[in-house]
Amino acid sequence: MKKKLLFSLCILFLMLVTFYTSLDLHAKKLLDDAFMRSFSAFGLAKALNAAISMLQGTQLSLMPAGVGVTLSIGEILDPFNDLVERFSWVMLLASVSLGIQKILLAFSGKLFLKIGVVFFGSIALLLLWIDKKQTFTKFFKAFLFVLLLRFFAVIYLYASQFVYTALLQDEYMQATKKIEMTKNHIEEFQKESAIQSTKTKESSITQYFSDKYEQIKDTLDLKEKFQALEESIDASYTSIVDLITLFVVESVLFPLLFLWLFLLLLKTLFRIDLANR
């Protein structure tokens, strides 16, 4: 009797929780936050790519400086730009994964699933108390199956947020901060190189000899800024790889792990034999 009562209370509790919409609303908020992280990182990658393209487009303006800066810029920016483009592809994949999760979350909140949980749960309760074990097992399995469809996406989003907060958040913040700094350095260097190029052209026509000292000074200053830019880009390699790893884990590996867990639960569910217990 106590076992039946406990079983009945559990089923009733799960039937009531099915209509607790706050769980769905909070899960939707968690998904929106994940979308914002993904779009923010994707936008940062595209902005970085645009900044690199602008700097590559001004390479010829540095040639009159005569310090070999033009060649160095190409050597550094080309492989870095390739990594940034691959990073943008990873972010696109992450966005697609989040889009699929959004569809699954919307499906889990459908009214017919909630009604299905109540329907199979009510019949299972009735059969439990009239001792129809064989039939009860079938309806109880159907109840658990619909319940799994109802809550699996919600549970996944809560678990995903827990993993992100506990393990990935600090790395995400640090990596995006470093990449943002690199983007700013590239944009500043591009502006400085454009100004230097303009100064060189003007002085070469009007007062070449009198401005020669200023040209050399500006060139050396630009070279120092280029060295700082080079160090910033080197640091960003690690940050981009960290972000790629983070989003692959969060948007690819973790969903695959939960999909495997879902299939495992289904397999276990259909193997349960309550009639002989």
C-alpha atoms as a PDB file:
ATOM      1  CA  MET A   1       0.000   0.000   0.000  1.00  0.00           C
ATOM      2  CA  LYS A   2       2.797   2.413   0.905  1.00  0.00           C
ATOM      3  CA  LYS A   3       4.539   1.668  -2.394  1.00  0.00           C
ATOM      4  CA  LYS A   4       1.343   2.364  -4.337  1.00  0.00           C
ATOM      5  CA  LEU A   5       0.794   5.597  -2.458  1.00  0.00           C
ATOM      6  CA  LEU A   6       4.346   6.748  -3.087  1.00  0.00           C
ATOM      7  CA  PHE A   7       4.066   5.809  -6.763  1.00  0.00           C
ATOM      8  CA  SER A   8       0.781   7.692  -7.029  1.00  0.00           C
ATOM      9  CA  LEU A   9       2.189  10.826  -5.399  1.00  0.00           C
ATOM     10  CA  CYS A  10       5.138  10.801  -7.795  1.00  0.00           C
ATOM     11  CA  ILE A  11       2.876  10.511 -10.829  1.00  0.00           C
ATOM     12  CA  LEU A  12       0.582  13.267  -9.552  1.00  0.00           C
ATOM     13  CA  PHE A  13       3.557  15.525  -8.864  1.00  0.00           C
ATOM     14  CA  LEU A  14       4.957  15.002 -12.365  1.00  0.00           C
ATOM     15  CA  MET A  15       1.534  15.683 -13.873  1.00  0.00           C
ATOM     16  CA  LEU A  16       1.332  18.979 -11.983  1.00  0.00           C
ATOM     17  CA  VAL A  17       4.888  20.010 -12.892  1.00  0.00           C
ATOM     18  CA  THR A  18       4.025  19.461 -16.552  1.00  0.00           C
ATOM     19  CA  PHE A  19       1.890  22.614 -16.462  1.00  0.00           C
ATOM     20  CA  TYR A  20       4.446  24.665 -14.523  1.00  0.00           C
ATOM     21  CA  THR A  21       5.278  27.154 -17.268  1.00  0.00           C
ATOM     22  CA  SER A  22       7.984  28.976 -15.294  1.00  0.00           C
ATOM     23  CA  LEU A  23      10.359  26.123 -16.109  1.00  0.00           C
ATOM     24  CA  ASP A  24       9.804  26.664 -19.826  1.00  0.00           C
ATOM     25  CA  LEU A  25      10.102  30.438 -19.577  1.00  0.00           C
ATOM     26  CA  HIS A  26      13.376  30.248 -17.685  1.00  0.00           C
ATOM     27  CA  ALA A  27      14.702  27.630 -20.124  1.00  0.00           C
ATOM     28  CA  LYS A  28      13.798  29.980 -22.986  1.00  0.00           C
ATOM     29  CA  LYS A  29      15.719  32.775 -21.260  1.00  0.00           C
ATOM     30  CA  LEU A  30      18.753  30.501 -20.900  1.00  0.00           C
ATOM     31  CA  LEU A  31      18.536  29.684 -24.604  1.00  0.00           C
ATOM     32  CA  ASP A  32      18.250  33.375 -25.492  1.00  0.00           C
ATOM     33  CA  ASP A  33      21.367  34.064 -23.412  1.00  0.00           C
ATOM     34  CA  ALA A  34      23.218  31.319 -25.282  1.00  0.00           C
ATOM     35  CA  PHE A  35      22.066  32.851 -28.580  1.00  0.00           C
ATOM     36  CA  MET A  36      23.390  36.235 -27.471  1.00  0.00           C
ATOM     37  CA  ARG A  37      26.788  34.719 -26.636  1.00  0.00           C
ATOM     38  CA  SER A  38      26.905  32.982 -29.985  1.00  0.00           C
ATOM     39  CA  PHE A  39      25.841  36.040 -32.002  1.00  0.00           C
ATOM     40  CA  SER A  40      28.205  38.252 -30.018  1.00  0.00           C
ATOM     41  CA  ALA A  41      31.152  35.965 -30.743  1.00  0.00           C
ATOM     42  CA  PHE A  42      30.099  35.628 -34.405  1.00  0.00           C
ATOM     43  CA  GLY A  43      29.814  39.407 -34.721  1.00  0.00           C
ATOM     44  CA  LEU A  44      33.224  39.819 -33.107  1.00  0.00           C
ATOM     45  CA  ALA A  45      34.723  37.373 -35.602  1.00  0.00           C
ATOM     46  CA  LYS A  46      33.204  39.226 -38.568  1.00  0.00           C
ATOM     47  CA  ALA A  47      34.326  42.609 -37.187  1.00  0.00           C
ATOM     48  CA  LEU A  48      37.837  41.258 -36.699  1.00  0.00           C
ATOM     49  CA  ASN A  49      37.819  39.885 -40.228  1.00  0.00           C
ATOM     50  CA  ALA A  50      36.692  43.281 -41.576  1.00  0.00           C
ATOM     51  CA  ALA A  51      39.411  45.094 -39.618  1.00  0.00           C
ATOM     52  CA  ILE A  52      42.049  42.732 -40.992  1.00  0.00           C
ATOM     53  CA  SER A  53      40.778  43.209 -44.542  1.00  0.00           C
ATOM     54  CA  MET A  54      40.970  46.995 -44.176  1.00  0.00           C
ATOM     55  CA  LEU A  55      44.540  46.817 -42.908  1.00  0.00           C
ATOM     56  CA  GLN A  56      45.545  44.468 -45.711  1.00  0.00           C
ATOM     57  CA  GLY A  57      44.085  46.959 -48.169  1.00  0.00           C
ATOM     58  CA  THR A  58      46.446  49.692 -46.943  1.00  0.00           C
ATOM     59  CA  GLN A  59      49.658  47.700 -47.228  1.00  0.00           C
ATOM     60  CA  LEU A  60      50.989  49.669 -50.210  1.00  0.00           C
ATOM     61  CA  SER A  61      50.765  52.938 -48.293  1.00  0.00           C
ATOM     62  CA  LEU A  62      53.516  51.694 -45.944  1.00  0.00           C
ATOM     63  CA  MET A  63      56.018  50.962 -48.703  1.00  0.00           C
ATOM     64  CA  PRO A  64      57.677  54.410 -48.734  1.00  0.00           C
ATOM     65  CA  ALA A  65      58.707  53.883 -45.095  1.00  0.00           C
ATOM     66  CA  GLY A  66      61.332  51.465 -46.283  1.00  0.00           C
ATOM     67  CA  VAL A  67      61.493  49.374 -43.112  1.00  0.00           C
ATOM     68  CA  GLY A  68      60.050  46.133 -44.365  1.00  0.00           C
ATOM     69  CA  VAL A  69      56.753  46.567 -42.523  1.00  0.00           C
ATOM     70  CA  THR A  70      54.599  45.758 -45.535  1.00  0.00           C
ATOM     71  CA  LEU A  71      55.882  42.222 -45.893  1.00  0.00           C
ATOM     72  CA  SER A  72      55.590  41.515 -42.162  1.00  0.00           C
ATOM     73  CA  ILE A  73      51.943  42.610 -42.068  1.00  0.00           C
ATOM     74  CA  GLY A  74      51.025  40.160 -44.796  1.00  0.00           C
ATOM     75  CA  GLU A  75      52.915  37.323 -43.165  1.00  0.00           C
ATOM     76  CA  ILE A  76      51.143  37.838 -39.843  1.00  0.00           C
ATOM     77  CA  LEU A  77      47.638  38.781 -40.962  1.00  0.00           C
ATOM     78  CA  ASP A  78      47.072  36.078 -43.587  1.00  0.00           C
ATOM     79  CA  PRO A  79      47.270  33.028 -41.264  1.00  0.00           C
ATOM     80  CA  PHE A  80      45.483  34.948 -38.507  1.00  0.00           C
ATOM     81  CA  ASN A  81      42.683  35.859 -40.895  1.00  0.00           C
ATOM     82  CA  ASP A  82      42.368  32.190 -41.915  1.00  0.00           C
ATOM     83  CA  LEU A  83      41.902  31.239 -38.253  1.00  0.00           C
ATOM     84  CA  VAL A  84      39.321  33.998 -37.786  1.00  0.00           C
ATOM     85  CA  GLU A  85      37.347  32.737 -40.805  1.00  0.00           C
ATOM     86  CA  ARG A  86      37.356  29.199 -39.406  1.00  0.00           C
ATOM     87  CA  PHE A  87      36.205  30.604 -36.088  1.00  0.00           C
ATOM     88  CA  SER A  88      33.268  32.314 -37.824  1.00  0.00           C
ATOM     89  CA  TRP A  89      32.306  28.953 -39.348  1.00  0.00           C
ATOM     90  CA  VAL A  90      32.326  27.373 -35.874  1.00  0.00           C
ATOM     91  CA  MET A  91      30.105  30.183 -34.615  1.00  0.00           C
ATOM     92  CA  LEU A  92      27.709  29.610 -37.501  1.00  0.00           C
ATOM     93  CA  LEU A  93      27.573  25.919 -36.565  1.00  0.00           C
ATOM     94  CA  ALA A  94      26.915  26.884 -32.943  1.00  0.00           C
ATOM     95  CA  SER A  95      24.056  29.143 -34.050  1.00  0.00           C
ATOM     96  CA  VAL A  96      22.517  26.301 -36.085  1.00  0.00           C
ATOM     97  CA  SER A  97      22.778  24.010 -33.046  1.00  0.00           C
ATOM     98  CA  LEU A  98      21.042  26.615 -30.890  1.00  0.00           C
ATOM     99  CA  GLY A  99      18.348  26.989 -33.534  1.00  0.00           C
ATOM    100  CA  ILE A 100      17.646  23.255 -33.346  1.00  0.00           C
ATOM    101  CA  GLN A 101      17.497  23.506 -29.553  1.00  0.00           C
ATOM    102  CA  LYS A 102      14.974  26.334 -29.900  1.00  0.00           C
ATOM    103  CA  ILE A 103      12.749  24.132 -32.066  1.00  0.00           C
ATOM    104  CA  LEU A 104      12.993  21.269 -29.564  1.00  0.00           C
ATOM    105  CA  LEU A 105      12.158  23.590 -26.673  1.00  0.00           C
ATOM    106  CA  ALA A 106       9.122  24.914 -28.524  1.00  0.00           C
ATOM    107  CA  PHE A 107       8.020  21.327 -29.229  1.00  0.00           C
ATOM    108  CA  SER A 108       8.417  20.338 -25.551  1.00  0.00           C
ATOM    109  CA  GLY A 109       5.993  23.075 -24.501  1.00  0.00           C
ATOM    110  CA  LYS A 110       3.180  22.040 -26.854  1.00  0.00           C
ATOM    111  CA  LEU A 111      -0.219  21.521 -25.281  1.00  0.00           C
ATOM    112  CA  PHE A 112      -0.720  18.030 -26.725  1.00  0.00           C
ATOM    113  CA  LEU A 113       2.360  16.780 -24.840  1.00  0.00           C
ATOM    114  CA  LYS A 114       1.015  18.182 -21.573  1.00  0.00           C
ATOM    115  CA  ILE A 115      -2.358  16.594 -22.233  1.00  0.00           C
ATOM    116  CA  GLY A 116      -0.591  13.337 -23.106  1.00  0.00           C
ATOM    117  CA  VAL A 117       1.236  13.341 -19.769  1.00  0.00           C
ATOM    118  CA  VAL A 118      -2.032  13.872 -17.886  1.00  0.00           C
ATOM    119  CA  PHE A 119      -3.900  11.300 -19.992  1.00  0.00           C
ATOM    120  CA  PHE A 120      -1.404   8.450 -19.641  1.00  0.00           C
ATOM    121  CA  GLY A 121      -0.634   9.407 -16.030  1.00  0.00           C
ATOM    122  CA  SER A 122      -4.313   9.304 -15.038  1.00  0.00           C
ATOM    123  CA  ILE A 123      -4.906   5.930 -16.685  1.00  0.00           C
ATOM    124  CA  ALA A 124      -1.715   4.576 -15.110  1.00  0.00           C
ATOM    125  CA  LEU A 125      -2.940   5.715 -11.685  1.00  0.00           C
ATOM    126  CA  LEU A 126      -6.303   4.065 -12.211  1.00  0.00           C
ATOM    127  CA  LEU A 127      -4.743   0.790 -13.336  1.00  0.00           C
ATOM    128  CA  LEU A 128      -2.290   0.883 -10.430  1.00  0.00           C
ATOM    129  CA  TRP A 129      -5.079   0.950  -7.837  1.00  0.00           C
ATOM    130  CA  ILE A 130      -7.189  -1.739  -9.510  1.00  0.00           C
ATOM    131  CA  ASP A 131      -4.139  -4.056  -9.729  1.00  0.00           C
ATOM    132  CA  LYS A 132      -3.945  -4.374 -13.510  1.00  0.00           C
ATOM    133  CA  LYS A 133      -0.179  -4.781 -13.534  1.00  0.00           C
ATOM    134  CA  GLN A 134       0.325  -5.760 -17.154  1.00  0.00           C
ATOM    135  CA  THR A 135      -1.801  -2.925 -18.513  1.00  0.00           C
ATOM    136  CA  PHE A 136      -0.411  -0.519 -15.918  1.00  0.00           C
ATOM    137  CA  THR A 137       3.135  -1.222 -17.136  1.00  0.00           C
ATOM    138  CA  LYS A 138       2.214  -0.303 -20.711  1.00  0.00           C
ATOM    139  CA  PHE A 139       0.512   2.950 -19.770  1.00  0.00           C
ATOM    140  CA  PHE A 140       3.177   3.865 -17.244  1.00  0.00           C
ATOM    141  CA  LYS A 141       5.851   3.431 -19.926  1.00  0.00           C
ATOM    142  CA  ALA A 142       3.778   5.612 -22.261  1.00  0.00           C
ATOM    143  CA  PHE A 143       3.501   8.158 -19.447  1.00  0.00           C
ATOM    144  CA  LEU A 144       7.290   8.187 -18.942  1.00  0.00           C
ATOM    145  CA  PHE A 145       7.899   8.426 -22.698  1.00  0.00           C
ATOM    146  CA  VAL A 146       5.656  11.479 -23.125  1.00  0.00           C
ATOM    147  CA  LEU A 147       7.118  12.954 -19.935  1.00  0.00           C
ATOM    148  CA  LEU A 148      10.587  12.510 -21.385  1.00  0.00           C
ATOM    149  CA  LEU A 149       9.556  14.341 -24.551  1.00  0.00           C
ATOM    150  CA  ARG A 150       8.008  17.065 -22.412  1.00  0.00           C
ATOM    151  CA  PHE A 151      11.022  17.803 -20.216  1.00  0.00           C
ATOM    152  CA  PHE A 152      14.163  16.573 -21.953  1.00  0.00           C
ATOM    153  CA  ALA A 153      14.878  19.831 -23.811  1.00  0.00           C
ATOM    154  CA  VAL A 154      14.220  21.838 -20.640  1.00  0.00           C
ATOM    155  CA  ILE A 155      16.549  19.645 -18.566  1.00  0.00           C
ATOM    156  CA  TYR A 156      19.208  19.891 -21.265  1.00  0.00           C
ATOM    157  CA  LEU A 157      19.145  23.702 -21.239  1.00  0.00           C
ATOM    158  CA  TYR A 158      19.428  23.820 -17.447  1.00  0.00           C
ATOM    159  CA  ALA A 159      22.322  21.352 -17.541  1.00  0.00           C
ATOM    160  CA  SER A 160      23.999  23.260 -20.380  1.00  0.00           C
ATOM    161  CA  GLN A 161      23.760  26.521 -18.436  1.00  0.00           C
ATOM    162  CA  PHE A 162      25.224  24.823 -15.359  1.00  0.00           C
ATOM    163  CA  VAL A 163      28.190  23.530 -17.376  1.00  0.00           C
ATOM    164  CA  TYR A 164      28.732  26.957 -18.945  1.00  0.00           C
ATOM    165  CA  THR A 165      28.569  28.811 -15.618  1.00  0.00           C
ATOM    166  CA  ALA A 166      30.721  26.327 -13.729  1.00  0.00           C
ATOM    167  CA  LEU A 167      33.368  25.549 -16.352  1.00  0.00           C
ATOM    168  CA  LEU A 168      33.273  27.824 -19.394  1.00  0.00           C
ATOM    169  CA  GLN A 169      32.130  31.313 -18.440  1.00  0.00           C
ATOM    170  CA  ASP A 170      35.468  32.681 -17.218  1.00  0.00           C
ATOM    171  CA  GLU A 171      37.311  31.412 -20.301  1.00  0.00           C
ATOM    172  CA  TYR A 172      34.646  32.899 -22.560  1.00  0.00           C
ATOM    173  CA  MET A 173      34.885  36.339 -20.929  1.00  0.00           C
ATOM    174  CA  GLN A 174      38.686  36.408 -20.984  1.00  0.00           C
ATOM    175  CA  ALA A 175      38.966  35.175 -24.571  1.00  0.00           C
ATOM    176  CA  THR A 176      36.392  37.623 -25.964  1.00  0.00           C
ATOM    177  CA  LYS A 177      38.078  40.475 -24.101  1.00  0.00           C
ATOM    178  CA  LYS A 178      41.470  39.671 -25.644  1.00  0.00           C
ATOM    179  CA  ILE A 179      40.005  39.329 -29.135  1.00  0.00           C
ATOM    180  CA  GLU A 180      38.171  42.641 -28.757  1.00  0.00           C
ATOM    181  CA  MET A 181      41.447  44.293 -27.743  1.00  0.00           C
ATOM    182  CA  THR A 182      43.183  42.824 -30.802  1.00  0.00           C
ATOM    183  CA  LYS A 183      40.423  44.139 -33.052  1.00  0.00           C
ATOM    184  CA  ASN A 184      40.854  47.603 -31.561  1.00  0.00           C
ATOM    185  CA  HIS A 185      44.629  47.401 -32.037  1.00  0.00           C
ATOM    186  CA  ILE A 186      44.201  46.460 -35.694  1.00  0.00           C
ATOM    187  CA  GLU A 187      41.760  49.333 -36.295  1.00  0.00           C
ATOM    188  CA  GLU A 188      44.063  51.823 -34.565  1.00  0.00           C
ATOM    189  CA  PHE A 189      47.073  50.592 -36.520  1.00  0.00           C
ATOM    190  CA  GLN A 190      45.134  50.844 -39.761  1.00  0.00           C
ATOM    191  CA  LYS A 191      44.284  54.485 -38.978  1.00  0.00           C
ATOM    192  CA  GLU A 192      47.877  55.284 -38.024  1.00  0.00           C
ATOM    193  CA  SER A 193      49.233  53.641 -41.165  1.00  0.00           C
ATOM    194  CA  ALA A 194      46.779  55.614 -43.320  1.00  0.00           C
ATOM    195  CA  ILE A 195      47.835  58.877 -41.649  1.00  0.00           C
ATOM    196  CA  GLN A 196      51.520  57.976 -42.075  1.00  0.00           C
ATOM    197  CA  SER A 197      50.971  57.217 -45.756  1.00  0.00           C
ATOM    198  CA  THR A 198      49.239  60.567 -46.303  1.00  0.00           C
ATOM    199  CA  LYS A 199      52.000  62.445 -44.542  1.00  0.00           C
ATOM    200  CA  THR A 200      54.619  60.681 -46.630  1.00  0.00           C
ATOM    201  CA  LYS A 201      52.885  61.556 -49.881  1.00  0.00           C
ATOM    202  CA  GLU A 202      52.415  65.189 -48.978  1.00  0.00           C
ATOM    203  CA  SER A 203      55.965  65.712 -47.750  1.00  0.00           C
ATOM    204  CA  SER A 204      57.479  63.972 -50.743  1.00  0.00           C
ATOM    205  CA  ILE A 205      55.898  66.591 -53.011  1.00  0.00           C
ATOM    206  CA  THR A 206      56.120  69.851 -51.047  1.00  0.00           C
ATOM    207  CA  GLN A 207      59.033  69.842 -48.670  1.00  0.00           C
ATOM    208  CA  TYR A 208      60.747  66.482 -48.843  1.00  0.00           C
ATOM    209  CA  PHE A 209      64.046  67.389 -47.197  1.00  0.00           C
ATOM    210  CA  SER A 210      62.645  69.497 -44.363  1.00  0.00           C
ATOM    211  CA  ASP A 211      60.128  66.785 -43.415  1.00  0.00           C
ATOM    212  CA  LYS A 212      62.517  63.839 -43.694  1.00  0.00           C
ATOM    213  CA  TYR A 213      63.180  63.788 -39.941  1.00  0.00           C
ATOM    214  CA  GLU A 214      59.464  63.697 -39.178  1.00  0.00           C
ATOM    215  CA  GLN A 215      59.003  60.857 -41.644  1.00  0.00           C
ATOM    216  CA  ILE A 216      61.662  58.741 -39.972  1.00  0.00           C
ATOM    217  CA  LYS A 217      60.246  59.522 -36.540  1.00  0.00           C
ATOM    218  CA  ASP A 218      56.723  58.616 -37.603  1.00  0.00           C
ATOM    219  CA  THR A 219      57.991  55.451 -39.267  1.00  0.00           C
ATOM    220  CA  LEU A 220      59.799  54.298 -36.131  1.00  0.00           C
ATOM    221  CA  ASP A 221      56.712  55.059 -34.055  1.00  0.00           C
ATOM    222  CA  LEU A 222      54.573  53.083 -36.491  1.00  0.00           C
ATOM    223  CA  LYS A 223      57.025  50.210 -36.317  1.00  0.00           C
ATOM    224  CA  GLU A 224      56.739  50.131 -32.511  1.00  0.00           C
ATOM    225  CA  LYS A 225      52.954  50.048 -32.806  1.00  0.00           C
ATOM    226  CA  PHE A 226      53.268  47.258 -35.329  1.00  0.00           C
ATOM    227  CA  GLN A 227      55.337  45.221 -32.869  1.00  0.00           C
ATOM    228  CA  ALA A 228      52.657  45.771 -30.213  1.00  0.00           C
ATOM    229  CA  LEU A 229      50.050  44.680 -32.759  1.00  0.00           C
ATOM    230  CA  GLU A 230      52.079  41.560 -33.513  1.00  0.00           C
ATOM    231  CA  GLU A 231      52.144  40.637 -29.816  1.00  0.00           C
ATOM    232  CA  SER A 232      48.396  41.228 -29.537  1.00  0.00           C
ATOM    233  CA  ILE A 233      47.719  38.983 -32.534  1.00  0.00           C
ATOM    234  CA  ASP A 234      49.924  36.246 -31.105  1.00  0.00           C
ATOM    235  CA  ALA A 235      47.930  36.375 -27.851  1.00  0.00           C
ATOM    236  CA  SER A 236      44.650  36.227 -29.792  1.00  0.00           C
ATOM    237  CA  TYR A 237      45.575  32.925 -31.444  1.00  0.00           C
ATOM    238  CA  THR A 238      45.173  31.188 -28.101  1.00  0.00           C
ATOM    239  CA  SER A 239      41.981  33.104 -27.318  1.00  0.00           C
ATOM    240  CA  ILE A 240      40.355  32.139 -30.621  1.00  0.00           C
ATOM    241  CA  VAL A 241      41.318  28.484 -30.180  1.00  0.00           C
ATOM    242  CA  ASP A 242      39.843  28.643 -26.653  1.00  0.00           C
ATOM    243  CA  LEU A 243      36.573  30.035 -28.000  1.00  0.00           C
ATOM    244  CA  ILE A 244      36.441  27.425 -30.754  1.00  0.00           C
ATOM    245  CA  THR A 245      36.937  24.692 -28.153  1.00  0.00           C
ATOM    246  CA  LEU A 246      34.325  26.249 -25.865  1.00  0.00           C
ATOM    247  CA  PHE A 247      31.621  26.470 -28.518  1.00  0.00           C
ATOM    248  CA  VAL A 248      32.389  23.006 -29.923  1.00  0.00           C
ATOM    249  CA  VAL A 249      31.958  21.551 -26.434  1.00  0.00           C
ATOM    250  CA  GLU A 250      28.835  23.578 -25.649  1.00  0.00           C
ATOM    251  CA  SER A 251      27.098  23.381 -29.034  1.00  0.00           C
ATOM    252  CA  VAL A 252      28.271  20.050 -30.484  1.00  0.00           C
ATOM    253  CA  LEU A 253      29.728  17.603 -27.959  1.00  0.00           C
ATOM    254  CA  PHE A 254      27.332  18.374 -25.089  1.00  0.00           C
ATOM    255  CA  PRO A 255      24.191  18.061 -27.273  1.00  0.00           C
ATOM    256  CA  LEU A 256      25.523  14.763 -28.660  1.00  0.00           C
ATOM    257  CA  LEU A 257      26.113  13.546 -25.111  1.00  0.00           C
ATOM    258  CA  PHE A 258      22.525  14.389 -24.168  1.00  0.00           C
ATOM    259  CA  LEU A 259      21.206  12.772 -27.341  1.00  0.00           C
ATOM    260  CA  TRP A 260      23.058   9.595 -26.381  1.00  0.00           C
ATOM    261  CA  LEU A 261      21.584   9.872 -22.874  1.00  0.00           C
ATOM    262  CA  PHE A 262      18.092  10.337 -24.353  1.00  0.00           C
ATOM    263  CA  LEU A 263      18.431   7.196 -26.475  1.00  0.00           C
ATOM    264  CA  LEU A 264      19.821   5.312 -23.487  1.00  0.00           C
ATOM    265  CA  LEU A 265      16.845   6.340 -21.358  1.00  0.00           C
ATOM    266  CA  LEU A 266      14.440   5.238 -24.086  1.00  0.00           C
ATOM    267  CA  LYS A 267      16.197   1.890 -24.356  1.00  0.00           C
ATOM    268  CA  THR A 268      16.068   1.427 -20.591  1.00  0.00           C
ATOM    269  CA  LEU A 269      12.437   2.526 -20.465  1.00  0.00           C
ATOM    270  CA  PHE A 270      11.250  -0.142 -22.870  1.00  0.00           C
ATOM    271  CA  ARG A 271      13.198  -2.802 -20.975  1.00  0.00           C
ATOM    272  CA  ILE A 272      11.544  -2.069 -17.631  1.00  0.00           C
ATOM    273  CA  ASP A 273       9.231  -4.826 -16.444  1.00  0.00           C
ATOM    274  CA  LEU A 274       7.011  -3.537 -13.647  1.00  0.00           C
ATOM    275  CA  ALA A 275       4.523  -6.340 -13.838  1.00  0.00           C
ATOM    276  CA  ASN A 276       6.793  -8.768 -11.947  1.00  0.00           C
ATOM    277  CA  ARG A 277       7.772  -6.279  -9.232  1.00  0.00           C
END
